[in-house]
N, C-alpha and C. Protein backbone atom coordinates (compact mmCIF):
# COMPACT_ATOMS: atom_id res chain seq x y z
N MET A 1 -32.60 -34.44 -19.98
CA MET A 1 -33.44 -33.48 -20.64
C MET A 1 -34.39 -34.25 -21.54
N HIS A 2 -35.61 -33.75 -21.68
CA HIS A 2 -36.63 -34.50 -22.40
C HIS A 2 -37.23 -33.69 -23.56
N CYS A 3 -37.59 -34.41 -24.61
CA CYS A 3 -38.17 -33.81 -25.81
C CYS A 3 -39.55 -33.23 -25.50
N PRO A 4 -39.80 -31.97 -25.86
CA PRO A 4 -41.12 -31.39 -25.63
C PRO A 4 -42.19 -32.00 -26.52
N HIS A 5 -41.78 -32.69 -27.59
CA HIS A 5 -42.74 -33.29 -28.53
C HIS A 5 -43.21 -34.67 -28.06
N CYS A 6 -42.25 -35.55 -27.70
CA CYS A 6 -42.63 -36.92 -27.34
C CYS A 6 -42.26 -37.29 -25.90
N ASN A 7 -41.59 -36.39 -25.17
CA ASN A 7 -41.21 -36.57 -23.77
C ASN A 7 -40.17 -37.66 -23.54
N ARG A 8 -39.46 -38.07 -24.58
CA ARG A 8 -38.38 -39.03 -24.42
C ARG A 8 -37.08 -38.27 -24.21
N GLU A 9 -36.07 -38.97 -23.72
CA GLU A 9 -34.78 -38.34 -23.44
C GLU A 9 -34.10 -37.91 -24.74
N ILE A 10 -33.52 -36.71 -24.72
CA ILE A 10 -32.81 -36.20 -25.88
C ILE A 10 -31.33 -36.05 -25.54
N HIS A 11 -30.49 -36.17 -26.56
CA HIS A 11 -29.04 -36.13 -26.39
C HIS A 11 -28.46 -35.12 -27.35
N GLY A 12 -27.30 -34.60 -27.00
CA GLY A 12 -26.66 -33.67 -27.90
C GLY A 12 -25.31 -33.24 -27.40
N GLN A 13 -24.73 -32.35 -28.18
CA GLN A 13 -23.43 -31.80 -27.84
C GLN A 13 -23.51 -30.30 -28.04
N GLY A 14 -23.00 -29.56 -27.08
CA GLY A 14 -23.07 -28.11 -27.20
C GLY A 14 -24.50 -27.62 -27.07
N SER A 15 -24.85 -26.63 -27.86
CA SER A 15 -26.16 -26.01 -27.75
C SER A 15 -27.18 -26.60 -28.71
N ALA A 16 -26.92 -27.80 -29.23
CA ALA A 16 -27.87 -28.47 -30.11
C ALA A 16 -28.10 -29.89 -29.60
N CYS A 17 -29.32 -30.38 -29.73
CA CYS A 17 -29.61 -31.75 -29.32
C CYS A 17 -30.68 -32.34 -30.23
N THR A 18 -30.74 -33.66 -30.23
CA THR A 18 -31.65 -34.39 -31.10
C THR A 18 -32.40 -35.44 -30.31
N CYS A 19 -33.68 -35.58 -30.61
CA CYS A 19 -34.48 -36.67 -30.05
C CYS A 19 -34.46 -37.80 -31.08
N GLU A 20 -33.76 -38.88 -30.76
CA GLU A 20 -33.64 -40.00 -31.70
C GLU A 20 -35.00 -40.64 -32.03
N PRO A 21 -35.88 -40.88 -31.04
CA PRO A 21 -37.15 -41.53 -31.35
C PRO A 21 -38.05 -40.77 -32.34
N CYS A 22 -38.15 -39.44 -32.20
CA CYS A 22 -39.06 -38.71 -33.10
C CYS A 22 -38.32 -37.87 -34.15
N GLY A 23 -36.98 -37.79 -34.04
CA GLY A 23 -36.19 -37.09 -35.05
C GLY A 23 -36.17 -35.57 -34.93
N LYS A 24 -36.75 -35.00 -33.89
CA LYS A 24 -36.77 -33.55 -33.72
C LYS A 24 -35.40 -33.07 -33.25
N LYS A 25 -35.00 -31.89 -33.73
CA LYS A 25 -33.73 -31.28 -33.34
C LYS A 25 -34.03 -29.95 -32.68
N TYR A 26 -33.31 -29.65 -31.59
CA TYR A 26 -33.56 -28.44 -30.81
C TYR A 26 -32.29 -27.65 -30.57
N SER A 27 -32.48 -26.35 -30.42
CA SER A 27 -31.42 -25.44 -30.04
C SER A 27 -31.63 -25.10 -28.57
N LEU A 28 -30.54 -25.11 -27.79
CA LEU A 28 -30.62 -24.87 -26.35
C LEU A 28 -29.85 -23.63 -25.95
N ARG A 29 -30.27 -23.04 -24.82
CA ARG A 29 -29.50 -21.96 -24.20
C ARG A 29 -29.26 -22.39 -22.75
N PHE A 30 -27.99 -22.38 -22.36
CA PHE A 30 -27.62 -22.75 -21.00
C PHE A 30 -27.38 -21.52 -20.16
N SER A 31 -27.58 -21.65 -18.85
CA SER A 31 -27.23 -20.59 -17.91
C SER A 31 -26.62 -21.23 -16.67
N CYS A 32 -25.73 -20.50 -16.04
CA CYS A 32 -25.04 -20.96 -14.83
C CYS A 32 -26.07 -21.17 -13.72
N GLU A 33 -25.95 -22.28 -13.02
CA GLU A 33 -26.88 -22.59 -11.94
C GLU A 33 -26.65 -21.73 -10.70
N VAL A 34 -25.50 -21.05 -10.63
CA VAL A 34 -25.18 -20.21 -9.48
C VAL A 34 -25.58 -18.75 -9.72
N CYS A 35 -25.10 -18.16 -10.83
CA CYS A 35 -25.32 -16.72 -11.06
C CYS A 35 -26.35 -16.41 -12.15
N GLY A 36 -26.71 -17.41 -12.96
CA GLY A 36 -27.70 -17.20 -14.00
C GLY A 36 -27.16 -16.66 -15.31
N GLU A 37 -25.86 -16.36 -15.37
CA GLU A 37 -25.25 -15.84 -16.60
C GLU A 37 -25.06 -16.96 -17.62
N GLU A 38 -25.04 -16.59 -18.90
CA GLU A 38 -24.80 -17.56 -19.96
C GLU A 38 -23.30 -17.86 -20.01
N PRO A 39 -22.91 -19.15 -19.92
CA PRO A 39 -21.49 -19.49 -19.91
C PRO A 39 -20.89 -19.42 -21.32
N GLU A 40 -19.58 -19.31 -21.36
CA GLU A 40 -18.86 -19.34 -22.62
C GLU A 40 -18.73 -20.80 -23.05
N GLU A 41 -19.02 -21.07 -24.32
CA GLU A 41 -18.94 -22.43 -24.85
C GLU A 41 -17.70 -22.54 -25.72
N THR A 42 -16.84 -23.53 -25.45
CA THR A 42 -15.65 -23.76 -26.26
C THR A 42 -15.65 -25.19 -26.77
N VAL A 43 -15.20 -25.35 -28.01
CA VAL A 43 -15.12 -26.67 -28.63
C VAL A 43 -13.66 -26.98 -28.90
N SER A 44 -13.20 -28.13 -28.41
CA SER A 44 -11.82 -28.54 -28.61
C SER A 44 -11.77 -30.04 -28.80
N CYS A 45 -11.16 -30.46 -29.87
CA CYS A 45 -11.01 -31.90 -30.17
C CYS A 45 -12.35 -32.63 -30.13
N GLY A 46 -13.40 -31.98 -30.61
CA GLY A 46 -14.72 -32.61 -30.67
C GLY A 46 -15.50 -32.60 -29.37
N SER A 47 -14.93 -32.04 -28.32
CA SER A 47 -15.64 -32.00 -27.05
C SER A 47 -16.01 -30.56 -26.72
N VAL A 48 -17.16 -30.39 -26.09
CA VAL A 48 -17.67 -29.05 -25.75
C VAL A 48 -17.48 -28.81 -24.25
N SER A 49 -16.95 -27.66 -23.91
CA SER A 49 -16.75 -27.28 -22.52
C SER A 49 -17.43 -25.94 -22.26
N TYR A 50 -17.74 -25.68 -21.00
CA TYR A 50 -18.39 -24.43 -20.61
C TYR A 50 -17.61 -23.77 -19.50
N PHE A 51 -17.57 -22.44 -19.53
CA PHE A 51 -16.88 -21.68 -18.49
C PHE A 51 -17.72 -20.46 -18.16
N CYS A 52 -18.01 -20.26 -16.88
CA CYS A 52 -18.76 -19.10 -16.44
C CYS A 52 -17.77 -18.00 -16.07
N ASN A 53 -17.75 -16.94 -16.85
CA ASN A 53 -16.85 -15.82 -16.60
C ASN A 53 -17.22 -15.06 -15.33
N SER A 54 -18.50 -15.06 -14.98
CA SER A 54 -18.97 -14.38 -13.78
C SER A 54 -18.47 -15.08 -12.51
N CYS A 55 -18.61 -16.39 -12.47
CA CYS A 55 -18.18 -17.18 -11.31
C CYS A 55 -16.70 -17.56 -11.41
N ASN A 56 -16.13 -17.41 -12.62
CA ASN A 56 -14.74 -17.74 -12.88
C ASN A 56 -14.44 -19.22 -12.61
N GLU A 57 -15.32 -20.09 -13.13
CA GLU A 57 -15.11 -21.53 -12.96
C GLU A 57 -15.74 -22.31 -14.10
N PRO A 58 -15.19 -23.51 -14.38
CA PRO A 58 -15.77 -24.37 -15.41
C PRO A 58 -17.12 -24.90 -14.95
N LYS A 59 -17.99 -25.19 -15.91
CA LYS A 59 -19.32 -25.72 -15.61
C LYS A 59 -19.57 -26.97 -16.43
N SER A 60 -20.29 -27.91 -15.85
CA SER A 60 -20.68 -29.11 -16.60
C SER A 60 -22.07 -28.89 -17.18
N ARG A 61 -22.30 -29.46 -18.32
CA ARG A 61 -23.59 -29.32 -18.99
C ARG A 61 -24.72 -29.83 -18.09
N SER A 62 -24.47 -30.89 -17.36
CA SER A 62 -25.52 -31.49 -16.52
C SER A 62 -25.89 -30.62 -15.31
N SER A 63 -24.97 -29.75 -14.87
CA SER A 63 -25.27 -28.95 -13.69
C SER A 63 -25.98 -27.63 -14.02
N MET A 64 -25.89 -27.20 -15.28
CA MET A 64 -26.47 -25.91 -15.65
C MET A 64 -27.97 -25.99 -15.90
N LYS A 65 -28.60 -24.84 -15.80
CA LYS A 65 -30.01 -24.73 -16.18
C LYS A 65 -30.05 -24.60 -17.70
N TYR A 66 -31.12 -25.05 -18.33
CA TYR A 66 -31.22 -24.93 -19.77
C TYR A 66 -32.62 -24.54 -20.18
N GLU A 67 -32.70 -23.98 -21.36
CA GLU A 67 -33.98 -23.58 -21.95
C GLU A 67 -33.97 -24.02 -23.40
N ILE A 68 -35.03 -24.70 -23.83
CA ILE A 68 -35.14 -25.08 -25.24
C ILE A 68 -35.65 -23.87 -25.99
N LEU A 69 -34.82 -23.35 -26.89
CA LEU A 69 -35.17 -22.12 -27.60
C LEU A 69 -36.16 -22.36 -28.74
N HIS A 70 -35.85 -23.31 -29.60
CA HIS A 70 -36.72 -23.57 -30.74
C HIS A 70 -36.35 -24.90 -31.41
N GLU A 71 -37.27 -25.38 -32.20
CA GLU A 71 -37.03 -26.58 -33.00
C GLU A 71 -36.29 -26.16 -34.26
N MET A 72 -35.23 -26.88 -34.57
CA MET A 72 -34.44 -26.58 -35.76
C MET A 72 -34.96 -27.40 -36.93
N ASP A 73 -34.72 -26.91 -38.14
CA ASP A 73 -35.10 -27.66 -39.34
C ASP A 73 -34.33 -28.96 -39.40
N ALA A 74 -35.01 -30.03 -39.79
CA ALA A 74 -34.39 -31.35 -39.84
C ALA A 74 -33.44 -31.48 -41.02
N GLY A 75 -33.52 -30.62 -42.02
CA GLY A 75 -32.69 -30.74 -43.22
C GLY A 75 -31.39 -30.20 -43.02
């Protein structure tokens, strides 16, 4: 996934990500690549997992579609 500001790769965990080169932070919304529904996000032991209740299966962040919702305040 790439930063809309500088087009460099951005990294994150869960529904938030940061562009290290320009310092911008973004909020994301994921959807299942099969049915289009928003998956359930669970956090356990510092790791984020996704589960699509519609398809009844776990999803990986890399396989889902995503939408950058907005830029978050840096503070």
